[in-house]
Amino acid sequence: MDTTTGEQKLLAIIAHLSYLLGGLGFIIAPLLIFLLKKDDSFVYEHARQALVAHLAILVASALVGLLCFLLIGILLVPVLVILWLVLLVTSIIAGARALNGEYYQYPFIQGLVGKLQ
């Protein structure tokens, strides 16, 4: 039986879909949830996964942006677009899993997630 509350599910969904807030909201929202809900393992784990995924895409975007100034990064823009699409799809899947009271692990970043406690 699912014992997660509506509030827990809502906070987990907000953490995953916070990139819809625009600006740095996609980092700030999961970070705040991550820091404030350490005692709630369900919300904490979802916020941790979302935070690492969002930080990874932010770093990738910054690197590609920097390389574009050097004119070699323009070749990486399609890769960055694909990464953002992957984030969009996996975030929607993660939000759906959170709504069902299930845990979700983003692909490719579990080594980084393990380092964030």
N, C-alpha and C. Protein backbone atom coordinates (compact mmCIF):
# COMPACT_ATOMS: atom_id res chain seq x y z
N MET A 1 0.84 -1.18 0.00
CA MET A 1 0.00 0.00 0.00
C MET A 1 0.88 1.25 0.00
N ASP A 2 0.51 2.24 -0.77
CA ASP A 2 1.26 3.49 -0.90
C ASP A 2 1.03 4.34 0.34
N THR A 3 2.13 4.65 1.04
CA THR A 3 2.02 5.44 2.27
C THR A 3 2.49 6.88 2.09
N THR A 4 2.85 7.25 0.87
CA THR A 4 3.30 8.63 0.65
C THR A 4 2.09 9.56 0.61
N THR A 5 2.28 10.72 1.20
CA THR A 5 1.19 11.69 1.26
C THR A 5 1.16 12.55 0.00
N GLY A 6 0.10 13.28 -0.15
CA GLY A 6 -0.04 14.19 -1.28
C GLY A 6 1.03 15.26 -1.27
N GLU A 7 1.38 15.75 -0.08
CA GLU A 7 2.42 16.77 0.04
C GLU A 7 3.77 16.23 -0.41
N GLN A 8 4.09 15.00 -0.01
CA GLN A 8 5.34 14.39 -0.42
C GLN A 8 5.41 14.26 -1.93
N LYS A 9 4.33 13.79 -2.52
CA LYS A 9 4.29 13.62 -3.97
C LYS A 9 4.42 14.97 -4.68
N LEU A 10 3.73 15.98 -4.17
CA LEU A 10 3.78 17.31 -4.78
C LEU A 10 5.19 17.88 -4.73
N LEU A 11 5.85 17.78 -3.59
CA LEU A 11 7.22 18.29 -3.47
C LEU A 11 8.17 17.55 -4.40
N ALA A 12 8.00 16.25 -4.53
CA ALA A 12 8.85 15.47 -5.43
C ALA A 12 8.62 15.89 -6.88
N ILE A 13 7.37 16.09 -7.25
CA ILE A 13 7.05 16.51 -8.62
C ILE A 13 7.61 17.91 -8.89
N ILE A 14 7.48 18.81 -7.92
CA ILE A 14 8.03 20.16 -8.08
C ILE A 14 9.54 20.09 -8.29
N ALA A 15 10.21 19.25 -7.54
CA ALA A 15 11.66 19.13 -7.68
C ALA A 15 12.03 18.69 -9.10
N HIS A 16 11.30 17.72 -9.64
CA HIS A 16 11.61 17.21 -10.97
C HIS A 16 11.25 18.18 -12.08
N LEU A 17 10.14 18.86 -11.96
CA LEU A 17 9.65 19.72 -13.04
C LEU A 17 9.96 21.19 -12.82
N SER A 18 10.88 21.48 -11.92
CA SER A 18 11.17 22.88 -11.58
C SER A 18 11.83 23.64 -12.72
N TYR A 19 12.33 22.96 -13.73
CA TYR A 19 12.91 23.69 -14.86
C TYR A 19 11.84 24.50 -15.59
N LEU A 20 10.59 24.20 -15.34
CA LEU A 20 9.50 24.99 -15.93
C LEU A 20 9.40 26.37 -15.28
N LEU A 21 10.06 26.56 -14.13
CA LEU A 21 10.06 27.85 -13.45
C LEU A 21 10.90 28.89 -14.19
N GLY A 22 11.83 28.45 -15.00
CA GLY A 22 12.69 29.36 -15.74
C GLY A 22 13.80 29.91 -14.86
N GLY A 23 14.75 30.55 -15.50
CA GLY A 23 15.87 31.12 -14.77
C GLY A 23 16.59 30.07 -13.94
N LEU A 24 17.05 30.46 -12.79
CA LEU A 24 17.72 29.52 -11.90
C LEU A 24 16.75 28.78 -10.99
N GLY A 25 15.46 28.94 -11.23
CA GLY A 25 14.45 28.22 -10.45
C GLY A 25 14.62 26.72 -10.54
N PHE A 26 15.17 26.25 -11.66
CA PHE A 26 15.33 24.80 -11.82
C PHE A 26 16.46 24.26 -10.94
N ILE A 27 17.27 25.15 -10.36
CA ILE A 27 18.29 24.73 -9.38
C ILE A 27 17.81 25.05 -7.97
N ILE A 28 17.22 26.22 -7.80
CA ILE A 28 16.84 26.68 -6.47
C ILE A 28 15.74 25.81 -5.85
N ALA A 29 14.71 25.47 -6.64
CA ALA A 29 13.60 24.68 -6.09
C ALA A 29 14.04 23.31 -5.58
N PRO A 30 14.75 22.49 -6.40
CA PRO A 30 15.17 21.19 -5.84
C PRO A 30 16.19 21.34 -4.72
N LEU A 31 17.01 22.40 -4.77
CA LEU A 31 17.98 22.62 -3.69
C LEU A 31 17.28 22.92 -2.38
N LEU A 32 16.29 23.79 -2.41
CA LEU A 32 15.54 24.09 -1.18
C LEU A 32 14.81 22.86 -0.65
N ILE A 33 14.18 22.13 -1.54
CA ILE A 33 13.48 20.91 -1.11
C ILE A 33 14.48 19.92 -0.54
N PHE A 34 15.62 19.77 -1.20
CA PHE A 34 16.68 18.86 -0.75
C PHE A 34 17.17 19.24 0.66
N LEU A 35 17.37 20.53 0.90
CA LEU A 35 17.89 20.98 2.19
C LEU A 35 16.83 20.95 3.30
N LEU A 36 15.58 21.22 2.95
CA LEU A 36 14.54 21.33 3.98
C LEU A 36 13.85 20.01 4.30
N LYS A 37 13.98 19.02 3.44
CA LYS A 37 13.26 17.76 3.65
C LYS A 37 14.19 16.57 3.84
N LYS A 38 15.29 16.78 4.54
CA LYS A 38 16.25 15.69 4.77
C LYS A 38 15.65 14.56 5.61
N ASP A 39 14.66 14.87 6.41
CA ASP A 39 14.05 13.86 7.26
C ASP A 39 13.02 13.00 6.53
N ASP A 40 12.64 13.38 5.32
CA ASP A 40 11.65 12.64 4.53
C ASP A 40 12.38 11.94 3.39
N SER A 41 12.60 10.64 3.52
CA SER A 41 13.44 9.92 2.56
C SER A 41 12.87 9.96 1.14
N PHE A 42 11.55 9.92 1.00
CA PHE A 42 10.93 9.93 -0.33
C PHE A 42 11.20 11.25 -1.03
N VAL A 43 10.89 12.35 -0.38
CA VAL A 43 11.08 13.68 -0.97
C VAL A 43 12.56 13.97 -1.14
N TYR A 44 13.36 13.62 -0.15
CA TYR A 44 14.80 13.87 -0.19
C TYR A 44 15.44 13.18 -1.40
N GLU A 45 15.10 11.92 -1.61
CA GLU A 45 15.69 11.17 -2.72
C GLU A 45 15.27 11.75 -4.07
N HIS A 46 14.01 12.12 -4.21
CA HIS A 46 13.56 12.73 -5.46
C HIS A 46 14.24 14.08 -5.69
N ALA A 47 14.35 14.88 -4.65
CA ALA A 47 15.01 16.19 -4.78
C ALA A 47 16.49 16.02 -5.10
N ARG A 48 17.12 15.03 -4.52
CA ARG A 48 18.54 14.77 -4.78
C ARG A 48 18.76 14.37 -6.24
N GLN A 49 17.91 13.48 -6.73
CA GLN A 49 18.01 13.06 -8.14
C GLN A 49 17.81 14.26 -9.07
N ALA A 50 16.78 15.05 -8.80
CA ALA A 50 16.47 16.20 -9.66
C ALA A 50 17.58 17.24 -9.59
N LEU A 51 18.09 17.51 -8.40
CA LEU A 51 19.14 18.51 -8.24
C LEU A 51 20.38 18.13 -9.04
N VAL A 52 20.81 16.89 -8.95
CA VAL A 52 22.01 16.46 -9.67
C VAL A 52 21.76 16.51 -11.18
N ALA A 53 20.59 16.08 -11.63
CA ALA A 53 20.29 16.13 -13.06
C ALA A 53 20.28 17.57 -13.57
N HIS A 54 19.68 18.46 -12.81
CA HIS A 54 19.61 19.86 -13.23
C HIS A 54 20.97 20.53 -13.18
N LEU A 55 21.78 20.21 -12.17
CA LEU A 55 23.14 20.76 -12.11
C LEU A 55 24.00 20.24 -13.27
N ALA A 56 23.83 18.97 -13.62
CA ALA A 56 24.59 18.39 -14.73
C ALA A 56 24.25 19.09 -16.04
N ILE A 57 22.97 19.34 -16.29
CA ILE A 57 22.59 20.02 -17.53
C ILE A 57 23.03 21.48 -17.51
N LEU A 58 23.04 22.10 -16.33
CA LEU A 58 23.52 23.48 -16.22
C LEU A 58 25.01 23.55 -16.55
N VAL A 59 25.79 22.63 -16.03
CA VAL A 59 27.22 22.61 -16.31
C VAL A 59 27.47 22.34 -17.79
N ALA A 60 26.75 21.38 -18.35
CA ALA A 60 26.90 21.08 -19.78
C ALA A 60 26.55 22.30 -20.62
N SER A 61 25.48 22.99 -20.27
CA SER A 61 25.06 24.19 -21.01
C SER A 61 26.11 25.29 -20.90
N ALA A 62 26.66 25.47 -19.73
CA ALA A 62 27.69 26.49 -19.53
C ALA A 62 28.94 26.18 -20.33
N LEU A 63 29.34 24.91 -20.34
CA LEU A 63 30.52 24.52 -21.10
C LEU A 63 30.30 24.73 -22.60
N VAL A 64 29.17 24.33 -23.11
CA VAL A 64 28.88 24.52 -24.53
C VAL A 64 28.81 26.01 -24.85
N GLY A 65 28.20 26.79 -23.96
CA GLY A 65 28.14 28.23 -24.17
C GLY A 65 29.53 28.85 -24.21
N LEU A 66 30.40 28.43 -23.31
CA LEU A 66 31.77 28.92 -23.29
C LEU A 66 32.52 28.52 -24.55
N LEU A 67 32.33 27.28 -24.96
CA LEU A 67 33.01 26.82 -26.17
C LEU A 67 32.48 27.50 -27.43
N CYS A 68 31.24 27.94 -27.40
CA CYS A 68 30.69 28.66 -28.55
C CYS A 68 31.42 29.98 -28.76
N PHE A 69 31.89 30.59 -27.68
CA PHE A 69 32.68 31.81 -27.83
C PHE A 69 33.98 31.53 -28.58
N LEU A 70 34.47 30.31 -28.45
CA LEU A 70 35.69 29.93 -29.13
C LEU A 70 35.41 29.34 -30.52
N LEU A 71 34.14 29.34 -30.92
CA LEU A 71 33.66 28.87 -32.21
C LEU A 71 33.74 27.37 -32.41
N ILE A 72 34.24 26.62 -31.43
CA ILE A 72 34.25 25.17 -31.58
C ILE A 72 33.04 24.54 -30.92
N GLY A 73 32.39 25.29 -30.03
CA GLY A 73 31.24 24.75 -29.31
C GLY A 73 29.98 24.68 -30.14
N ILE A 74 29.95 25.39 -31.26
CA ILE A 74 28.75 25.39 -32.10
C ILE A 74 28.42 23.97 -32.56
N LEU A 75 29.44 23.13 -32.66
CA LEU A 75 29.22 21.74 -33.06
C LEU A 75 28.56 20.93 -31.95
N LEU A 76 28.65 21.42 -30.72
CA LEU A 76 28.07 20.71 -29.58
C LEU A 76 26.64 21.13 -29.27
N VAL A 77 26.14 22.15 -29.94
CA VAL A 77 24.79 22.62 -29.68
C VAL A 77 23.74 21.53 -29.93
N PRO A 78 23.84 20.75 -31.03
CA PRO A 78 22.85 19.66 -31.20
C PRO A 78 22.90 18.64 -30.07
N VAL A 79 24.09 18.36 -29.55
CA VAL A 79 24.22 17.42 -28.43
C VAL A 79 23.53 18.00 -27.20
N LEU A 80 23.71 19.29 -26.99
CA LEU A 80 23.07 19.95 -25.84
C LEU A 80 21.56 19.93 -25.98
N VAL A 81 21.06 20.13 -27.17
CA VAL A 81 19.61 20.07 -27.41
C VAL A 81 19.09 18.67 -27.07
N ILE A 82 19.82 17.66 -27.47
CA ILE A 82 19.42 16.28 -27.16
C ILE A 82 19.43 16.05 -25.65
N LEU A 83 20.45 16.58 -24.97
CA LEU A 83 20.50 16.43 -23.50
C LEU A 83 19.31 17.11 -22.83
N TRP A 84 18.92 18.28 -23.30
CA TRP A 84 17.75 18.96 -22.73
C TRP A 84 16.48 18.17 -23.00
N LEU A 85 16.37 17.57 -24.18
CA LEU A 85 15.20 16.73 -24.47
C LEU A 85 15.17 15.49 -23.58
N VAL A 86 16.34 14.92 -23.34
CA VAL A 86 16.42 13.77 -22.43
C VAL A 86 15.99 14.19 -21.03
N LEU A 87 16.45 15.37 -20.58
CA LEU A 87 16.02 15.87 -19.27
C LEU A 87 14.52 16.07 -19.22
N LEU A 88 13.96 16.62 -20.27
CA LEU A 88 12.51 16.83 -20.32
C LEU A 88 11.75 15.51 -20.18
N VAL A 89 12.14 14.52 -20.97
CA VAL A 89 11.45 13.23 -20.94
C VAL A 89 11.64 12.53 -19.60
N THR A 90 12.90 12.49 -19.11
CA THR A 90 13.14 11.79 -17.85
C THR A 90 12.49 12.50 -16.67
N SER A 91 12.39 13.82 -16.73
CA SER A 91 11.72 14.56 -15.65
C SER A 91 10.23 14.27 -15.62
N ILE A 92 9.64 14.15 -16.78
CA ILE A 92 8.22 13.81 -16.84
C ILE A 92 8.00 12.40 -16.30
N ILE A 93 8.88 11.48 -16.67
CA ILE A 93 8.79 10.11 -16.14
C ILE A 93 8.97 10.12 -14.63
N ALA A 94 9.96 10.89 -14.14
CA ALA A 94 10.21 10.97 -12.70
C ALA A 94 9.01 11.57 -11.97
N GLY A 95 8.40 12.60 -12.56
CA GLY A 95 7.20 13.19 -11.95
C GLY A 95 6.05 12.20 -11.88
N ALA A 96 5.89 11.41 -12.93
CA ALA A 96 4.84 10.39 -12.94
C ALA A 96 5.11 9.33 -11.88
N ARG A 97 6.36 8.93 -11.76
CA ARG A 97 6.72 7.95 -10.73
C ARG A 97 6.46 8.51 -9.34
N ALA A 98 6.82 9.78 -9.14
CA ALA A 98 6.59 10.42 -7.83
C ALA A 98 5.10 10.47 -7.53
N LEU A 99 4.30 10.76 -8.54
CA LEU A 99 2.85 10.79 -8.37
C LEU A 99 2.30 9.44 -7.94
N ASN A 100 2.94 8.38 -8.40
CA ASN A 100 2.54 7.02 -8.02
C ASN A 100 3.18 6.55 -6.73
N GLY A 101 3.99 7.42 -6.10
CA GLY A 101 4.64 7.05 -4.85
C GLY A 101 5.85 6.16 -5.03
N GLU A 102 6.44 6.18 -6.23
CA GLU A 102 7.59 5.34 -6.53
C GLU A 102 8.86 6.19 -6.59
N TYR A 103 9.99 5.53 -6.43
CA TYR A 103 11.28 6.20 -6.57
C TYR A 103 11.70 6.16 -8.03
N TYR A 104 12.60 7.08 -8.40
CA TYR A 104 13.10 7.12 -9.78
C TYR A 104 14.56 7.51 -9.76
N GLN A 105 15.35 6.89 -10.64
CA GLN A 105 16.75 7.24 -10.79
C GLN A 105 16.98 7.69 -12.23
N TYR A 106 17.52 8.89 -12.38
CA TYR A 106 17.84 9.39 -13.71
C TYR A 106 18.96 8.55 -14.31
N PRO A 107 18.92 8.31 -15.62
CA PRO A 107 20.01 7.55 -16.25
C PRO A 107 21.28 8.39 -16.34
N PHE A 108 22.40 7.74 -16.36
CA PHE A 108 23.72 8.32 -16.62
C PHE A 108 24.33 9.14 -15.48
N ILE A 109 23.61 9.48 -14.44
CA ILE A 109 24.17 10.37 -13.42
C ILE A 109 24.26 9.74 -12.04
N GLN A 110 24.08 8.45 -11.93
CA GLN A 110 24.03 7.83 -10.61
C GLN A 110 25.36 7.91 -9.87
N GLY A 111 26.47 7.98 -10.59
CA GLY A 111 27.76 8.17 -9.94
C GLY A 111 27.84 9.51 -9.22
N LEU A 112 27.27 10.54 -9.84
CA LEU A 112 27.24 11.85 -9.22
C LEU A 112 26.24 11.92 -8.07
N VAL A 113 25.11 11.25 -8.23
CA VAL A 113 24.08 11.25 -7.19
C VAL A 113 24.61 10.60 -5.93
N GLY A 114 25.37 9.54 -6.10
CA GLY A 114 25.93 8.84 -4.95
C GLY A 114 26.87 9.70 -4.12
N LYS A 115 27.49 10.69 -4.76
CA LYS A 115 28.41 11.57 -4.04
C LYS A 115 27.71 12.66 -3.26
N LEU A 116 26.45 12.93 -3.57
CA LEU A 116 25.68 13.98 -2.90
C LEU A 116 24.84 13.36 -1.80
N GLN A 117 25.20 13.59 -0.57
CA GLN A 117 24.44 13.02 0.56
C GLN A 117 23.82 14.08 1.38
